[in-house]
Amino acid sequence: MIVNIDPSRIGVLIGTRGEIKKKIEETFKVKLKIDNRRGEVTVYADETVPPLELMKLRNIIQAIGYGFNPEKAFLLLDENYMLDVIDLKEKAKSKSDLKRIKARIIGENGRARKSLEELTEAYISVHDRYVAIIGTYEQVKLAREAIEMLIEGRMHATVYKYIKREKRKYELYAKKPFLDFEL
């Protein structure tokens, strides 16, 4: 299996004295061959490694490539967590538009991104032309919706109110799931 990531993130994937690479190899019982220049990570695994584990490994490598630190990327070992990626180039009409969209998501001194993370309880990374999200299905869904609202130009306050309203719905549903059904 080959996973391509931003070459600038290879150092993070390897870690200090190779500790992250070693942890990945030991956790998944695989061997990694890393091409620093091209950002190509080749995973060598024997047939005893379950396909689901290889999918988790691919997601962890990609998460590091999208700007997450290894600690957050390793949350993807838990099957309740997922990685979702938004390609901002698909949403932007020009380079200046891409820059403006990233600025709206990140905010001044990272405040908007931090607020989104706190409200949705998901982890968000803005790297190059991508926004990556790690969290449970509900957290990722809510974070994606909020980010898309910001991309569309909605005001930050409107987006934050929307998140709070949706979270209340989730919490109410979690307490009384039967309310969703009509007799």
Protein backbone atom coordinates (compact mmCIF):
# COMPACT_ATOMS: atom_id res chain seq x y z
CA MET A 1 0.00 0.00 0.00
CA ILE A 2 1.30 3.46 -0.90
CA VAL A 3 0.15 6.63 0.88
CA ASN A 4 1.22 10.03 -0.44
CA ILE A 5 1.55 12.94 1.98
CA ASP A 6 3.02 16.44 1.91
CA PRO A 7 6.83 15.99 1.97
CA SER A 8 7.04 18.74 4.62
CA ARG A 9 5.15 16.41 7.01
CA ILE A 10 7.52 13.43 6.65
CA GLY A 11 9.58 14.56 9.65
CA VAL A 12 6.46 14.50 11.84
CA LEU A 13 5.57 11.02 10.56
CA ILE A 14 9.04 9.74 11.43
CA GLY A 15 9.22 11.58 14.77
CA THR A 16 12.18 12.35 17.01
CA ARG A 17 14.71 9.52 16.66
CA GLY A 18 12.13 7.60 14.59
CA GLU A 19 9.75 7.09 17.52
CA ILE A 20 6.48 7.68 15.60
CA LYS A 21 7.52 5.46 12.69
CA LYS A 22 8.54 2.76 15.16
CA LYS A 23 5.24 3.08 17.07
CA ILE A 24 3.28 2.70 13.81
CA GLU A 25 5.34 -0.31 12.74
CA GLU A 26 4.90 -2.02 16.13
CA THR A 27 1.20 -1.18 16.50
CA PHE A 28 0.24 -2.43 13.04
CA LYS A 29 2.99 -5.06 12.58
CA VAL A 30 4.09 -3.49 9.30
CA LYS A 31 7.26 -2.01 7.80
CA LEU A 32 7.30 1.55 6.46
CA LYS A 33 9.58 2.75 3.67
CA ILE A 34 9.52 6.52 3.40
CA ASP A 35 10.64 8.63 0.44
CA ASN A 36 11.38 12.05 1.97
CA ARG A 37 11.54 13.95 -1.32
CA ARG A 38 8.31 12.69 -2.88
CA GLY A 39 6.31 12.26 0.34
CA GLU A 40 5.64 8.65 -0.54
CA VAL A 41 5.04 6.19 2.30
CA THR A 42 5.11 2.54 1.27
CA VAL A 43 3.54 0.13 3.75
CA TYR A 44 4.73 -3.47 3.72
CA ALA A 45 2.34 -5.82 5.51
CA ASP A 46 1.88 -9.56 5.38
CA GLU A 47 -1.52 -11.12 4.79
CA THR A 48 -2.13 -11.59 8.53
CA VAL A 49 -2.79 -7.85 8.94
CA PRO A 50 -6.58 -7.33 8.66
CA PRO A 51 -7.76 -4.92 5.93
CA LEU A 52 -9.56 -2.80 8.54
CA GLU A 53 -6.24 -2.25 10.34
CA LEU A 54 -4.62 -1.18 7.06
CA MET A 55 -7.46 1.32 6.51
CA LYS A 56 -6.87 2.74 10.01
CA LEU A 57 -3.14 2.95 9.25
CA ARG A 58 -3.80 4.78 5.96
CA ASN A 59 -6.03 7.27 7.81
CA ILE A 60 -3.40 7.86 10.52
CA ILE A 61 -0.66 8.51 7.93
CA GLN A 62 -2.99 10.81 5.96
CA ALA A 63 -4.03 12.68 9.13
CA ILE A 64 -0.38 13.41 9.92
CA GLY A 65 0.07 14.50 6.30
CA TYR A 66 -2.89 16.90 6.63
CA GLY A 67 -1.27 18.63 9.60
CA PHE A 68 -2.40 16.75 12.70
CA ASN A 69 0.12 15.85 15.37
CA PRO A 70 0.63 12.08 15.82
CA GLU A 71 -1.23 12.05 19.16
CA LYS A 72 -4.44 13.29 17.49
CA ALA A 73 -3.88 11.08 14.44
CA PHE A 74 -3.67 8.00 16.69
CA LEU A 75 -7.24 8.70 17.85
CA LEU A 76 -8.15 7.04 14.54
CA LEU A 77 -7.19 3.70 16.09
CA ASP A 78 -10.56 3.93 17.84
CA GLU A 79 -13.22 2.73 15.41
CA ASN A 80 -15.58 5.45 16.69
CA TYR A 81 -13.29 8.11 15.20
CA MET A 82 -13.01 9.10 11.56
CA LEU A 83 -11.06 11.42 9.28
CA ASP A 84 -12.84 13.74 6.86
CA VAL A 85 -11.08 16.06 4.42
CA ILE A 86 -12.38 19.12 2.58
CA ASP A 87 -10.39 20.23 -0.47
CA LEU A 88 -10.69 24.00 -0.44
CA LYS A 89 -9.45 24.22 -4.03
CA GLU A 90 -12.83 22.78 -5.07
CA LYS A 91 -14.57 25.64 -3.24
CA ALA A 92 -12.28 28.53 -4.24
CA LYS A 93 -12.39 30.31 -7.57
CA SER A 94 -8.88 31.81 -7.32
CA LYS A 95 -5.76 31.87 -5.15
CA SER A 96 -6.98 34.99 -3.35
CA ASP A 97 -10.34 33.30 -2.76
CA LEU A 98 -8.54 30.26 -1.29
CA LYS A 99 -6.53 32.54 1.00
CA ARG A 100 -9.70 34.35 2.13
CA ILE A 101 -11.52 31.06 2.85
CA LYS A 102 -8.58 29.72 4.88
CA ALA A 103 -8.45 32.99 6.83
CA ARG A 104 -12.18 32.70 7.66
CA ILE A 105 -11.74 29.14 8.93
CA ILE A 106 -8.58 29.86 10.92
CA GLY A 107 -9.59 33.30 12.19
CA GLU A 108 -7.41 35.89 13.87
CA ASN A 109 -4.64 34.11 15.79
CA GLY A 110 -6.45 30.81 15.20
CA ARG A 111 -9.49 31.84 17.26
CA ALA A 112 -12.15 30.70 14.76
CA ARG A 113 -10.59 27.25 14.36
CA LYS A 114 -10.24 26.94 18.12
CA SER A 115 -13.89 27.96 18.63
CA LEU A 116 -15.01 25.43 16.01
CA GLU A 117 -13.01 22.72 17.78
CA GLU A 118 -14.42 23.61 21.19
CA LEU A 119 -18.02 23.80 19.99
CA THR A 120 -18.00 20.67 17.80
CA GLU A 121 -15.55 18.71 20.01
CA ALA A 122 -13.76 17.65 16.80
CA TYR A 123 -10.12 18.34 15.91
CA ILE A 124 -9.56 20.57 12.88
CA SER A 125 -6.38 21.11 10.87
CA VAL A 126 -5.98 23.63 8.05
CA HIS A 127 -2.95 22.65 5.98
CA ASP A 128 -2.11 23.83 2.47
CA ARG A 129 -5.41 23.66 0.55
CA TYR A 130 -7.10 21.15 2.87
CA VAL A 131 -9.20 21.23 6.00
CA ALA A 132 -9.05 17.91 7.83
CA ILE A 133 -11.36 16.90 10.67
CA ILE A 134 -10.96 14.11 13.24
CA GLY A 135 -13.79 13.10 15.56
CA THR A 136 -16.79 10.86 15.98
CA TYR A 137 -19.31 10.75 13.13
CA GLU A 138 -21.55 13.36 14.79
CA GLN A 139 -18.63 15.67 15.62
CA VAL A 140 -17.19 15.45 12.10
CA LYS A 141 -20.60 15.98 10.47
CA LEU A 142 -21.24 19.08 12.58
CA ALA A 143 -17.73 20.48 12.01
CA ARG A 144 -18.01 19.91 8.24
CA GLU A 145 -21.38 21.67 8.11
CA ALA A 146 -19.98 24.61 10.10
CA ILE A 147 -16.88 24.89 7.89
CA GLU A 148 -19.01 24.78 4.74
CA MET A 149 -21.18 27.57 6.16
CA LEU A 150 -18.03 29.68 6.69
CA ILE A 151 -16.87 28.88 3.15
CA GLU A 152 -20.27 30.09 1.86
CA GLY A 153 -19.68 33.38 3.68
CA ARG A 154 -21.95 33.04 6.70
CA MET A 155 -21.01 35.14 9.72
CA HIS A 156 -19.04 33.40 12.45
CA ALA A 157 -21.67 34.19 15.10
CA THR A 158 -24.37 32.60 12.91
CA VAL A 159 -22.25 29.46 12.49
CA TYR A 160 -21.56 29.21 16.24
CA LYS A 161 -25.30 29.55 17.03
CA TYR A 162 -26.06 26.85 14.47
CA ILE A 163 -23.54 24.48 16.11
CA LYS A 164 -25.03 25.09 19.57
CA ARG A 165 -28.57 24.48 18.28
CA GLU A 166 -27.54 21.25 16.52
CA LYS A 167 -25.66 20.01 19.60
CA ARG A 168 -28.80 20.52 21.71
CA LYS A 169 -30.72 18.38 19.19
CA TYR A 170 -28.09 15.62 19.42
CA GLU A 171 -28.14 15.73 23.21
CA LEU A 172 -31.94 15.65 23.35
CA TYR A 173 -32.02 12.75 20.91
CA ALA A 174 -29.38 10.86 22.93
CA LYS A 175 -31.52 11.20 26.07
CA LYS A 176 -34.88 10.41 24.45
CA PRO A 177 -34.41 8.66 21.09
CA PHE A 178 -38.11 7.75 20.95
CA LEU A 179 -38.99 11.45 20.42
CA ASP A 180 -37.83 11.08 16.84
CA PHE A 181 -40.59 8.62 16.00
CA GLU A 182 -44.23 9.41 15.37
CA LEU A 183 -47.01 6.95 16.18
